[in-house]
Amino acid sequence: ALEHGLDCIIAPAPSFSKDVDCMEDLAEVDPKLLPKSLSR
């Protein structure tokens, strides 16, 4: 942004800060969204 002269807006958003990368993240996912064999 600095290099190209853009207005840089930092916008933290709690639900969009959390993606699924590790098992701890996966444990927080609604089990209904996972295949039955995996949610167990």
Full PDB file with SEQRES, HELIX, SHEET, SSBOND, CRYST1, ORIGX, SCALE, CONECT and MASTER records, all heavy atoms in Angstrom:
SEQRES   1 A   40  ALA LEU GLU HIS GLY LEU ASP CYS ILE ILE ALA PRO ALA          
SEQRES   2 A   40  PRO SER PHE SER LYS ASP VAL ASP CYS MET GLU ASP LEU          
SEQRES   3 A   40  ALA GLU VAL ASP PRO LYS LEU LEU PRO LYS SER LEU SER          
SEQRES   4 A   40  ARG                                                          
HELIX    1 AA1 PRO A   14  PHE A   16  5                                   3    
HELIX    2 AA2 MET A   23  ALA A   27  1                                   5    
HELIX    3 AA3 PRO A   31  LEU A   33  5                                   3    
HELIX    4 AA4 LYS A   36  SER A   39  1                                   4    
CRYST1    1.000    1.000    1.000  90.00  90.00  90.00 P 1           1          
ORIGX1      1.000000  0.000000  0.000000        0.00000                         
ORIGX2      0.000000  1.000000  0.000000        0.00000                         
ORIGX3      0.000000  0.000000  1.000000        0.00000                         
SCALE1      1.000000  0.000000  0.000000        0.00000                         
SCALE2      0.000000  1.000000  0.000000        0.00000                         
SCALE3      0.000000  0.000000  1.000000        0.00000                         
ATOM      1  N   ALA A   1       0.836  -1.207   0.000  1.00  0.00           N  
ATOM      2  CA  ALA A   1       0.000   0.000   0.000  1.00  0.00           C  
ATOM      3  C   ALA A   1       0.867   1.251   0.000  1.00  0.00           C  
ATOM      4  O   ALA A   1       0.603   2.211  -0.738  1.00  0.00           O  
ATOM      5  CB  ALA A   1      -0.930  -0.009   1.211  1.00  0.00           C  
ATOM      6  N   LEU A   2       1.905   1.255   0.821  1.00  0.00           N  
ATOM      7  CA  LEU A   2       2.801   2.407   0.889  1.00  0.00           C  
ATOM      8  C   LEU A   2       3.515   2.610  -0.442  1.00  0.00           C  
ATOM      9  O   LEU A   2       3.616   3.740  -0.948  1.00  0.00           O  
ATOM     10  CB  LEU A   2       3.815   2.198   2.018  1.00  0.00           C  
ATOM     11  CG  LEU A   2       4.850   3.321   2.222  1.00  0.00           C  
ATOM     12  CD1 LEU A   2       4.154   4.622   2.594  1.00  0.00           C  
ATOM     13  CD2 LEU A   2       5.856   2.914   3.300  1.00  0.00           C  
ATOM     14  N   GLU A   3       3.995   1.510  -1.004  1.00  0.00           N  
ATOM     15  CA  GLU A   3       4.752   1.602  -2.257  1.00  0.00           C  
ATOM     16  C   GLU A   3       3.905   2.161  -3.392  1.00  0.00           C  
ATOM     17  O   GLU A   3       4.395   2.919  -4.234  1.00  0.00           O  
ATOM     18  CB  GLU A   3       5.280   0.220  -2.636  1.00  0.00           C  
ATOM     19  CG  GLU A   3       6.041   0.178  -3.948  1.00  0.00           C  
ATOM     20  CD  GLU A   3       6.538  -1.218  -4.306  1.00  0.00           C  
ATOM     21  OE1 GLU A   3       6.536  -2.096  -3.420  1.00  0.00           O  
ATOM     22  OE2 GLU A   3       6.926  -1.415  -5.477  1.00  0.00           O  
ATOM     23  N   HIS A   4       2.624   1.791  -3.409  1.00  0.00           N  
ATOM     24  CA  HIS A   4       1.767   2.184  -4.527  1.00  0.00           C  
ATOM     25  C   HIS A   4       0.877   3.379  -4.203  1.00  0.00           C  
ATOM     26  O   HIS A   4      -0.012   3.722  -5.003  1.00  0.00           O  
ATOM     27  CB  HIS A   4       0.918   0.989  -4.959  1.00  0.00           C  
ATOM     28  CG  HIS A   4       1.723  -0.140  -5.536  1.00  0.00           C  
ATOM     29  ND1 HIS A   4       2.257  -0.109  -6.797  1.00  0.00           N  
ATOM     30  CD2 HIS A   4       2.129  -1.326  -4.986  1.00  0.00           C  
ATOM     31  CE1 HIS A   4       2.932  -1.227  -7.028  1.00  0.00           C  
ATOM     32  NE2 HIS A   4       2.873  -1.976  -5.945  1.00  0.00           N  
ATOM     33  N   GLY A   5       1.103   4.013  -3.048  1.00  0.00           N  
ATOM     34  CA  GLY A   5       0.359   5.218  -2.712  1.00  0.00           C  
ATOM     35  C   GLY A   5      -1.116   4.991  -2.449  1.00  0.00           C  
ATOM     36  O   GLY A   5      -1.954   5.861  -2.747  1.00  0.00           O  
ATOM     37  N   LEU A   6      -1.457   3.825  -1.865  1.00  0.00           N  
ATOM     38  CA  LEU A   6      -2.850   3.516  -1.571  1.00  0.00           C  
ATOM     39  C   LEU A   6      -3.194   3.886  -0.133  1.00  0.00           C  
ATOM     40  O   LEU A   6      -2.354   3.770   0.767  1.00  0.00           O  
ATOM     41  CB  LEU A   6      -3.122   2.019  -1.767  1.00  0.00           C  
ATOM     42  CG  LEU A   6      -2.748   1.402  -3.117  1.00  0.00           C  
ATOM     43  CD1 LEU A   6      -3.052  -0.084  -3.100  1.00  0.00           C  
ATOM     44  CD2 LEU A   6      -3.499   2.086  -4.258  1.00  0.00           C  
ATOM     45  N   ASP A   7      -4.431   4.308   0.098  1.00  0.00           N  
ATOM     46  CA  ASP A   7      -4.923   4.437   1.460  1.00  0.00           C  
ATOM     47  C   ASP A   7      -4.982   3.042   2.069  1.00  0.00           C  
ATOM     48  O   ASP A   7      -5.649   2.150   1.525  1.00  0.00           O  
ATOM     49  CB  ASP A   7      -6.329   5.050   1.474  1.00  0.00           C  
ATOM     50  CG  ASP A   7      -6.348   6.489   0.995  1.00  0.00           C  
ATOM     51  OD1 ASP A   7      -5.318   7.168   1.142  1.00  0.00           O  
ATOM     52  OD2 ASP A   7      -7.393   6.920   0.461  1.00  0.00           O  
ATOM     53  N   CYS A   8      -4.292   2.833   3.194  1.00  0.00           N  
ATOM     54  CA  CYS A   8      -4.271   1.507   3.831  1.00  0.00           C  
ATOM     55  C   CYS A   8      -5.167   1.542   5.061  1.00  0.00           C  
ATOM     56  O   CYS A   8      -4.929   2.312   6.003  1.00  0.00           O  
ATOM     57  CB  CYS A   8      -2.849   1.116   4.213  1.00  0.00           C  
ATOM     58  SG  CYS A   8      -2.725  -0.602   4.775  1.00  0.00           S  
ATOM     59  N   ILE A   9      -6.188   0.707   5.063  1.00  0.00           N  
ATOM     60  CA  ILE A   9      -7.178   0.670   6.133  1.00  0.00           C  
ATOM     61  C   ILE A   9      -7.071  -0.681   6.835  1.00  0.00           C  
ATOM     62  O   ILE A   9      -7.306  -1.733   6.220  1.00  0.00           O  
ATOM     63  CB  ILE A   9      -8.594   0.864   5.567  1.00  0.00           C  
ATOM     64  CG1 ILE A   9      -8.673   2.178   4.790  1.00  0.00           C  
ATOM     65  CG2 ILE A   9      -9.640   0.811   6.681  1.00  0.00           C  
ATOM     66  CD1 ILE A   9      -9.870   2.288   3.877  1.00  0.00           C  
ATOM     67  N   ILE A  10      -6.693  -0.670   8.108  1.00  0.00           N  
ATOM     68  CA  ILE A  10      -6.609  -1.899   8.898  1.00  0.00           C  
ATOM     69  C   ILE A  10      -7.961  -2.108   9.559  1.00  0.00           C  
ATOM     70  O   ILE A  10      -8.442  -1.253  10.312  1.00  0.00           O  
ATOM     71  CB  ILE A  10      -5.500  -1.807   9.961  1.00  0.00           C  
ATOM     72  CG1 ILE A  10      -4.181  -1.369   9.324  1.00  0.00           C  
ATOM     73  CG2 ILE A  10      -5.352  -3.160  10.667  1.00  0.00           C  
ATOM     74  CD1 ILE A  10      -3.704  -2.236   8.196  1.00  0.00           C  
ATOM     75  N   ALA A  11      -8.596  -3.229   9.268  1.00  0.00           N  
ATOM     76  CA  ALA A  11      -9.976  -3.463   9.695  1.00  0.00           C  
ATOM     77  C   ALA A  11     -10.104  -4.826  10.370  1.00  0.00           C  
ATOM     78  O   ALA A  11     -10.531  -5.802   9.746  1.00  0.00           O  
ATOM     79  CB  ALA A  11     -10.910  -3.364   8.490  1.00  0.00           C  
ATOM     80  N   PRO A  12      -9.754  -4.914  11.660  1.00  0.00           N  
ATOM     81  CA  PRO A  12      -9.894  -6.195  12.366  1.00  0.00           C  
ATOM     82  C   PRO A  12     -11.372  -6.588  12.491  1.00  0.00           C  
ATOM     83  O   PRO A  12     -12.211  -5.772  12.866  1.00  0.00           O  
ATOM     84  CB  PRO A  12      -9.287  -5.911  13.746  1.00  0.00           C  
ATOM     85  CG  PRO A  12      -8.492  -4.656  13.586  1.00  0.00           C  
ATOM     86  CD  PRO A  12      -9.199  -3.863  12.522  1.00  0.00           C  
ATOM     87  N   ALA A  13     -11.673  -7.823  12.163  1.00  0.00           N  
ATOM     88  CA  ALA A  13     -13.033  -8.346  12.269  1.00  0.00           C  
ATOM     89  C   ALA A  13     -12.938  -9.735  12.892  1.00  0.00           C  
ATOM     90  O   ALA A  13     -12.378 -10.650  12.269  1.00  0.00           O  
ATOM     91  CB  ALA A  13     -13.700  -8.398  10.901  1.00  0.00           C  
ATOM     92  N   PRO A  14     -13.428  -9.915  14.119  1.00  0.00           N  
ATOM     93  CA  PRO A  14     -13.176 -11.164  14.862  1.00  0.00           C  
ATOM     94  C   PRO A  14     -13.501 -12.448  14.105  1.00  0.00           C  
ATOM     95  O   PRO A  14     -12.696 -13.373  14.086  1.00  0.00           O  
ATOM     96  CB  PRO A  14     -14.062 -11.000  16.107  1.00  0.00           C  
ATOM     97  CG  PRO A  14     -14.131  -9.519  16.320  1.00  0.00           C  
ATOM     98  CD  PRO A  14     -14.157  -8.923  14.941  1.00  0.00           C  
ATOM     99  N   SER A  15     -14.673 -12.510  13.463  1.00  0.00           N  
ATOM    100  CA  SER A  15     -15.033 -13.778  12.824  1.00  0.00           C  
ATOM    101  C   SER A  15     -14.190 -14.060  11.588  1.00  0.00           C  
ATOM    102  O   SER A  15     -14.039 -15.224  11.191  1.00  0.00           O  
ATOM    103  CB  SER A  15     -16.525 -13.800  12.464  1.00  0.00           C  
ATOM    104  OG  SER A  15     -16.818 -12.971  11.361  1.00  0.00           O  
ATOM    105  N   PHE A  16     -13.626 -13.016  10.984  1.00  0.00           N  
ATOM    106  CA  PHE A  16     -12.803 -13.209   9.795  1.00  0.00           C  
ATOM    107  C   PHE A  16     -11.317 -13.309  10.122  1.00  0.00           C  
ATOM    108  O   PHE A  16     -10.502 -13.523   9.233  1.00  0.00           O  
ATOM    109  CB  PHE A  16     -13.057 -12.089   8.793  1.00  0.00           C  
ATOM    110  CG  PHE A  16     -14.391 -12.211   8.129  1.00  0.00           C  
ATOM    111  CD1 PHE A  16     -15.503 -11.586   8.670  1.00  0.00           C  
ATOM    112  CD2 PHE A  16     -14.551 -12.968   6.989  1.00  0.00           C  
ATOM    113  CE1 PHE A  16     -16.747 -11.714   8.082  1.00  0.00           C  
ATOM    114  CE2 PHE A  16     -15.792 -13.109   6.382  1.00  0.00           C  
ATOM    115  CZ  PHE A  16     -16.890 -12.482   6.941  1.00  0.00           C  
ATOM    116  N   SER A  17     -10.977 -13.167  11.392  1.00  0.00           N  
ATOM    117  CA  SER A  17      -9.579 -13.348  11.793  1.00  0.00           C  
ATOM    118  C   SER A  17      -9.266 -14.807  12.062  1.00  0.00           C  
ATOM    119  O   SER A  17      -8.108 -15.193  12.186  1.00  0.00           O  
ATOM    120  CB  SER A  17      -9.283 -12.527  13.050  1.00  0.00           C  
ATOM    121  OG  SER A  17      -9.931 -13.080  14.180  1.00  0.00           O  
ATOM    122  N   LYS A  18     -10.305 -15.639  12.122  1.00  0.00           N  
ATOM    123  CA  LYS A  18     -10.133 -17.033  12.514  1.00  0.00           C  
ATOM    124  C   LYS A  18     -10.403 -17.954  11.336  1.00  0.00           C  
ATOM    125  O   LYS A  18     -11.536 -18.102  10.882  1.00  0.00           O  
ATOM    126  CB  LYS A  18     -11.100 -17.366  13.659  1.00  0.00           C  
ATOM    127  CG  LYS A  18     -10.836 -18.683  14.343  1.00  0.00           C  
ATOM    128  CD  LYS A  18      -9.548 -18.650  15.141  1.00  0.00           C  
ATOM    129  CE  LYS A  18      -9.376 -19.903  15.989  1.00  0.00           C  
ATOM    130  NZ  LYS A  18      -8.090 -19.899  16.723  1.00  0.00           N  
ATOM    131  N   ASP A  19      -9.344 -18.567  10.828  1.00  0.00           N  
ATOM    132  CA  ASP A  19      -9.509 -19.580   9.794  1.00  0.00           C  
ATOM    133  C   ASP A  19      -9.139 -20.940  10.384  1.00  0.00           C  
ATOM    134  O   ASP A  19      -8.721 -21.043  11.526  1.00  0.00           O  
ATOM    135  CB  ASP A  19      -8.684 -19.262   8.544  1.00  0.00           C  
ATOM    136  CG  ASP A  19      -7.267 -18.846   8.893  1.00  0.00           C  
ATOM    137  OD1 ASP A  19      -6.827 -19.081  10.031  1.00  0.00           O  
ATOM    138  OD2 ASP A  19      -6.585 -18.291   8.019  1.00  0.00           O  
ATOM    139  N   VAL A  20      -9.327 -21.969   9.597  1.00  0.00           N  
ATOM    140  CA  VAL A  20      -9.083 -23.333  10.073  1.00  0.00           C  
ATOM    141  C   VAL A  20      -7.748 -23.814   9.530  1.00  0.00           C  
ATOM    142  O   VAL A  20      -7.630 -24.161   8.353  1.00  0.00           O  
ATOM    143  CB  VAL A  20     -10.226 -24.283   9.657  1.00  0.00           C  
ATOM    144  CG1 VAL A  20      -9.919 -25.708  10.106  1.00  0.00           C  
ATOM    145  CG2 VAL A  20     -11.552 -23.817  10.252  1.00  0.00           C  
ATOM    146  N   ASP A  21      -6.734 -23.804  10.392  1.00  0.00           N  
ATOM    147  CA  ASP A  21      -5.396 -24.228   9.997  1.00  0.00           C  
ATOM    148  C   ASP A  21      -4.906 -25.447  10.769  1.00  0.00           C  
ATOM    149  O   ASP A  21      -4.117 -26.230  10.251  1.00  0.00           O  
ATOM    150  CB  ASP A  21      -4.392 -23.088  10.206  1.00  0.00           C  
ATOM    151  CG  ASP A  21      -4.433 -22.070   9.079  1.00  0.00           C  
ATOM    152  OD1 ASP A  21      -4.803 -22.451   7.952  1.00  0.00           O  
ATOM    153  OD2 ASP A  21      -4.119 -20.906   9.325  1.00  0.00           O  
ATOM    154  N   CYS A  22      -5.344 -25.577  12.015  1.00  0.00           N  
ATOM    155  CA  CYS A  22      -4.831 -26.648  12.866  1.00  0.00           C  
ATOM    156  C   CYS A  22      -5.988 -27.345  13.577  1.00  0.00           C  
ATOM    157  O   CYS A  22      -7.146 -26.931  13.465  1.00  0.00           O  
ATOM    158  CB  CYS A  22      -3.816 -26.098  13.870  1.00  0.00           C  
ATOM    159  SG  CYS A  22      -4.519 -24.844  14.971  1.00  0.00           S  
ATOM    160  N   MET A  23      -5.675 -28.401  14.320  1.00  0.00           N  
ATOM    161  CA  MET A  23      -6.720 -29.177  14.971  1.00  0.00           C  
ATOM    162  C   MET A  23      -7.487 -28.348  15.998  1.00  0.00           C  
ATOM    163  O   MET A  23      -8.691 -28.542  16.185  1.00  0.00           O  
ATOM    164  CB  MET A  23      -6.113 -30.413  15.631  1.00  0.00           C  
ATOM    165  CG  MET A  23      -5.648 -31.481  14.641  1.00  0.00           C  
ATOM    166  SD  MET A  23      -6.979 -32.112  13.567  1.00  0.00           S  
ATOM    167  CE  MET A  23      -8.004 -32.969  14.764  1.00  0.00           C  
ATOM    168  N   GLU A  24      -6.808 -27.408  16.665  1.00  0.00           N  
ATOM    169  CA  GLU A  24      -7.494 -26.556  17.627  1.00  0.00           C  
ATOM    170  C   GLU A  24      -8.561 -25.707  16.926  1.00  0.00           C  
ATOM    171  O   GLU A  24      -9.661 -25.507  17.462  1.00  0.00           O  
ATOM    172  CB  GLU A  24      -6.499 -25.650  18.349  1.00  0.00           C  
ATOM    173  CG  GLU A  24      -5.591 -26.367  19.333  1.00  0.00           C  
ATOM    174  CD  GLU A  24      -4.442 -27.097  18.646  1.00  0.00           C  
ATOM    175  OE1 GLU A  24      -4.284 -26.947  17.401  1.00  0.00           O  
ATOM    176  OE2 GLU A  24      -3.711 -27.830  19.336  1.00  0.00           O  
ATOM    177  N   ASP A  25      -8.240 -25.226  15.724  1.00  0.00           N  
ATOM    178  CA  ASP A  25      -9.230 -24.469  14.953  1.00  0.00           C  
ATOM    179  C   ASP A  25     -10.394 -25.364  14.556  1.00  0.00           C  
ATOM    180  O   ASP A  25     -11.563 -24.959  14.624  1.00  0.00           O  
ATOM    181  CB  ASP A  25      -8.595 -23.888  13.685  1.00  0.00           C  
ATOM    182  CG  ASP A  25      -7.425 -22.968  13.980  1.00  0.00           C  
ATOM    183  OD1 ASP A  25      -7.413 -22.338  15.047  1.00  0.00           O  
ATOM    184  OD2 ASP A  25      -6.515 -22.906  13.129  1.00  0.00           O  
ATOM    185  N   LEU A  26     -10.076 -26.564  14.143  1.00  0.00           N  
ATOM    186  CA  LEU A  26     -11.104 -27.485  13.666  1.00  0.00           C  
ATOM    187  C   LEU A  26     -12.074 -27.844  14.787  1.00  0.00           C  
ATOM    188  O   LEU A  26     -13.276 -28.017  14.558  1.00  0.00           O  
ATOM    189  CB  LEU A  26     -10.452 -28.755  13.106  1.00  0.00           C  
ATOM    190  CG  LEU A  26     -11.355 -29.739  12.371  1.00  0.00           C  
ATOM    191  CD1 LEU A  26     -12.039 -29.060  11.193  1.00  0.00           C  
ATOM    192  CD2 LEU A  26     -10.552 -30.936  11.906  1.00  0.00           C  
ATOM    193  N   ALA A  27     -11.571 -27.919  16.010  1.00  0.00           N  
ATOM    194  CA  ALA A  27     -12.421 -28.275  17.145  1.00  0.00           C  
ATOM    195  C   ALA A  27     -13.493 -27.225  17.405  1.00  0.00           C  
ATOM    196  O   ALA A  27     -14.516 -27.523  18.029  1.00  0.00           O  
ATOM    197  CB  ALA A  27     -11.562 -28.472  18.395  1.00  0.00           C  
ATOM    198  N   GLU A  28     -13.267 -25.987  16.945  1.00  0.00           N  
ATOM    199  CA  GLU A  28     -14.218 -24.913  17.166  1.00  0.00           C  
ATOM    200  C   GLU A  28     -15.288 -24.830  16.081  1.00  0.00           C  
ATOM    201  O   GLU A  28     -16.239 -24.065  16.210  1.00  0.00           O  
ATOM    202  CB  GLU A  28     -13.477 -23.580  17.247  1.00  0.00           C  
ATOM    203  CG  GLU A  28     -12.494 -23.504  18.403  1.00  0.00           C  
ATOM    204  CD  GLU A  28     -11.742 -22.190  18.427  1.00  0.00           C  
ATOM    205  OE1 GLU A  28     -12.136 -21.273  17.686  1.00  0.00           O  
ATOM    206  OE2 GLU A  28     -10.763 -22.078  19.187  1.00  0.00           O  
ATOM    207  N   VAL A  29     -15.130 -25.597  15.015  1.00  0.00           N  
ATOM    208  CA  VAL A  29     -16.092 -25.570  13.915  1.00  0.00           C  
ATOM    209  C   VAL A  29     -17.361 -26.301  14.334  1.00  0.00           C  
ATOM    210  O   VAL A  29     -17.320 -27.321  15.010  1.00  0.00           O  
ATOM    211  CB  VAL A  29     -15.483 -26.221  12.653  1.00  0.00           C  
ATOM    212  CG1 VAL A  29     -16.526 -26.314  11.541  1.00  0.00           C  
ATOM    213  CG2 VAL A  29     -14.285 -25.409  12.180  1.00  0.00           C  
ATOM    214  N   ASP A  30     -18.498 -25.780  13.926  1.00  0.00           N  
ATOM    215  CA  ASP A  30     -19.775 -26.430  14.194  1.00  0.00           C  
ATOM    216  C   ASP A  30     -19.749 -27.844  13.616  1.00  0.00           C  
ATOM    217  O   ASP A  30     -19.571 -28.015  12.401  1.00  0.00           O  
ATOM    218  CB  ASP A  30     -20.897 -25.619  13.526  1.00  0.00           C  
ATOM    219  CG  ASP A  30     -22.286 -26.141  13.849  1.00  0.00           C  
ATOM    220  OD1 ASP A  30     -22.409 -27.304  14.278  1.00  0.00           O  
ATOM    221  OD2 ASP A  30     -23.248 -25.378  13.669  1.00  0.00           O  
ATOM    222  N   PRO A  31     -19.931 -28.874  14.455  1.00  0.00           N  
ATOM    223  CA  PRO A  31     -19.863 -30.257  13.946  1.00  0.00           C  
ATOM    224  C   PRO A  31     -20.824 -30.525  12.797  1.00  0.00           C  
ATOM    225  O   PRO A  31     -20.570 -31.407  11.972  1.00  0.00           O  
ATOM    226  CB  PRO A  31     -20.228 -31.095  15.183  1.00  0.00           C  
ATOM    227  CG  PRO A  31     -19.863 -30.234  16.341  1.00  0.00           C  
ATOM    228  CD  PRO A  31     -20.145 -28.822  15.897  1.00  0.00           C  
ATOM    229  N   LYS A  32     -21.935 -29.765  12.719  1.00  0.00           N  
ATOM    230  CA  LYS A  32     -22.899 -30.002  11.635  1.00  0.00           C  
ATOM    231  C   LYS A  32     -22.303 -29.686  10.286  1.00  0.00           C  
ATOM    232  O   LYS A  32     -22.809 -30.127   9.254  1.00  0.00           O  
ATOM    233  CB  LYS A  32     -24.158 -29.155  11.863  1.00  0.00           C  
ATOM    234  CG  LYS A  32     -24.953 -29.515  13.115  1.00  0.00           C  
ATOM    235  CD  LYS A  32     -26.305 -28.837  13.123  1.00  0.00           C  
ATOM    236  CE  LYS A  32     -26.198 -27.323  13.206  1.00  0.00           C  
ATOM    237  NZ  LYS A  32     -25.625 -26.876  14.479  1.00  0.00           N  
ATOM    238  N   LEU A  33     -21.216 -28.895  10.262  1.00  0.00           N  
ATOM    239  CA  LEU A  33     -20.597 -28.529   9.000  1.00  0.00           C  
ATOM    240  C   LEU A  33     -19.600 -29.568   8.509  1.00  0.00           C  
ATOM    241  O   LEU A  33     -19.102 -29.471   7.396  1.00  0.00           O  
ATOM    242  CB  LEU A  33     -19.883 -27.180   9.136  1.00  0.00           C  
ATOM    243  CG  LEU A  33     -20.776 -25.983   9.466  1.00  0.00           C  
ATOM    244  CD1 LEU A  33     -19.920 -24.754   9.702  1.00  0.00           C  
ATOM    245  CD2 LEU A  33     -21.782 -25.736   8.359  1.00  0.00           C  
ATOM    246  N   LEU A  34     -19.309 -30.569   9.332  1.00  0.00           N  
ATOM    247  CA  LEU A  34     -18.287 -31.550   8.997  1.00  0.00           C  
ATOM    248  C   LEU A  34     -18.919 -32.873   8.592  1.00  0.00           C  
ATOM    249  O   LEU A  34     -20.012 -33.216   9.033  1.00  0.00           O  
ATOM    250  CB  LEU A  34     -17.354 -31.773  10.191  1.00  0.00           C  
ATOM    251  CG  LEU A  34     -16.625 -30.532  10.698  1.00  0.00           C  
ATOM    252  CD1 LEU A  34     -15.783 -30.885  11.916  1.00  0.00           C  
ATOM    253  CD2 LEU A  34     -15.751 -29.932   9.610  1.00  0.00           C  
ATOM    254  N   PRO A  35     -18.223 -33.647   7.755  1.00  0.00           N  
ATOM    255  CA  PRO A  35     -18.710 -34.983   7.425  1.00  0.00           C  
ATOM    256  C   PRO A  35     -18.879 -35.810   8.690  1.00  0.00           C  
ATOM    257  O   PRO A  35     -18.114 -35.674   9.646  1.00  0.00           O  
ATOM    258  CB  PRO A  35     -17.593 -35.556   6.529  1.00  0.00           C  
ATOM    259  CG  PRO A  35     -16.885 -34.358   6.005  1.00  0.00           C  
ATOM    260  CD  PRO A  35     -16.958 -33.319   7.078  1.00  0.00           C  
ATOM    261  N   LYS A  36     -19.890 -36.683   8.720  1.00  0.00           N  
ATOM    262  CA  LYS A  36     -20.185 -37.454   9.939  1.00  0.00           C  
ATOM    263  C   LYS A  36     -18.981 -38.256  10.419  1.00  0.00           C  
ATOM    264  O   LYS A  36     -18.718 -38.354  11.611  1.00  0.00           O  
ATOM    265  CB  LYS A  36     -21.377 -38.382   9.687  1.00  0.00           C  
ATOM    266  CG  LYS A  36     -22.692 -37.651   9.495  1.00  0.00           C  
ATOM    267  CD  LYS A  36     -23.840 -38.622   9.269  1.00  0.00           C  
ATOM    268  CE  LYS A  36     -25.155 -37.869   9.087  1.00  0.00           C  
ATOM    269  NZ  LYS A  36     -26.287 -38.797   8.839  1.00  0.00           N  
ATOM    270  N   SER A  37     -18.249 -38.862   9.493  1.00  0.00           N  
ATOM    271  CA  SER A  37     -17.109 -39.687   9.885  1.00  0.00           C  
ATOM    272  C   SER A  37     -16.024 -38.864  10.544  1.00  0.00           C  
ATOM    273  O   SER A  37     -15.259 -39.367  11.369  1.00  0.00           O  
ATOM    274  CB  SER A  37     -16.531 -40.402   8.663  1.00  0.00           C  
ATOM    275  OG  SER A  37     -16.058 -39.454   7.721  1.00  0.00           O  
ATOM    276  N   LEU A  38     -15.973 -37.561  10.208  1.00  0.00           N  
ATOM    277  CA  LEU A  38     -14.951 -36.704  10.761  1.00  0.00           C  
ATOM    278  C   LEU A  38     -15.406 -36.022  12.039  1.00  0.00           C  
ATOM    279  O   LEU A  38     -14.655 -35.884  12.994  1.00  0.00           O  
ATOM    280  CB  LEU A  38     -14.538 -35.643   9.749  1.00  0.00           C  
ATOM    281  CG  LEU A  38     -13.449 -34.663  10.158  1.00  0.00           C  
ATOM    282  CD1 LEU A  38     -12.177 -35.425  10.549  1.00  0.00           C  
ATOM    283  CD2 LEU A  38     -13.175 -33.670   9.061  1.00  0.00           C  
ATOM    284  N   SER A  39     -16.664 -35.601  12.089  1.00  0.00           N  
ATOM    285  CA  SER A  39     -17.141 -34.858  13.253  1.00  0.00           C  
ATOM    286  C   SER A  39     -17.054 -35.685  14.520  1.00  0.00           C  
ATOM    287  O   SER A  39     -16.867 -35.154  15.605  1.00  0.00           O  
ATOM    288  CB  SER A  39     -18.588 -34.394  13.025  1.00  0.00           C  
ATOM    289  OG  SER A  39     -19.459 -35.494  12.863  1.00  0.00           O  
ATOM    290  N   ARG A  40     -17.144 -36.998  14.394  1.00  0.00           N  
ATOM    291  CA  ARG A  40     -17.019 -37.850  15.583  1.00  0.00           C  
ATOM    292  C   ARG A  40     -15.600 -37.845  16.136  1.00  0.00           C  
ATOM    293  O   ARG A  40     -15.374 -38.187  17.284  1.00  0.00           O  
ATOM    294  CB  ARG A  40     -17.450 -39.274  15.257  1.00  0.00           C  
ATOM    295  CG  ARG A  40     -18.943 -39.436  15.008  1.00  0.00           C  
ATOM    296  CD  ARG A  40     -19.325 -40.911  14.995  1.00  0.00           C  
ATOM    297  NE  ARG A  40     -18.728 -41.602  13.871  1.00  0.00           N  
ATOM    298  CZ  ARG A  40     -19.344 -41.768  12.701  1.00  0.00           C  
ATOM    299  NH1 ARG A  40     -20.552 -41.268  12.514  1.00  0.00           N  
ATOM    300  NH2 ARG A  40     -18.764 -42.420  11.720  1.00  0.00           N  
TER     301      ARG A  40                                                      
MASTER        0    0    0    4    0    0    0    6  300    1    0    4          
END                                                                             
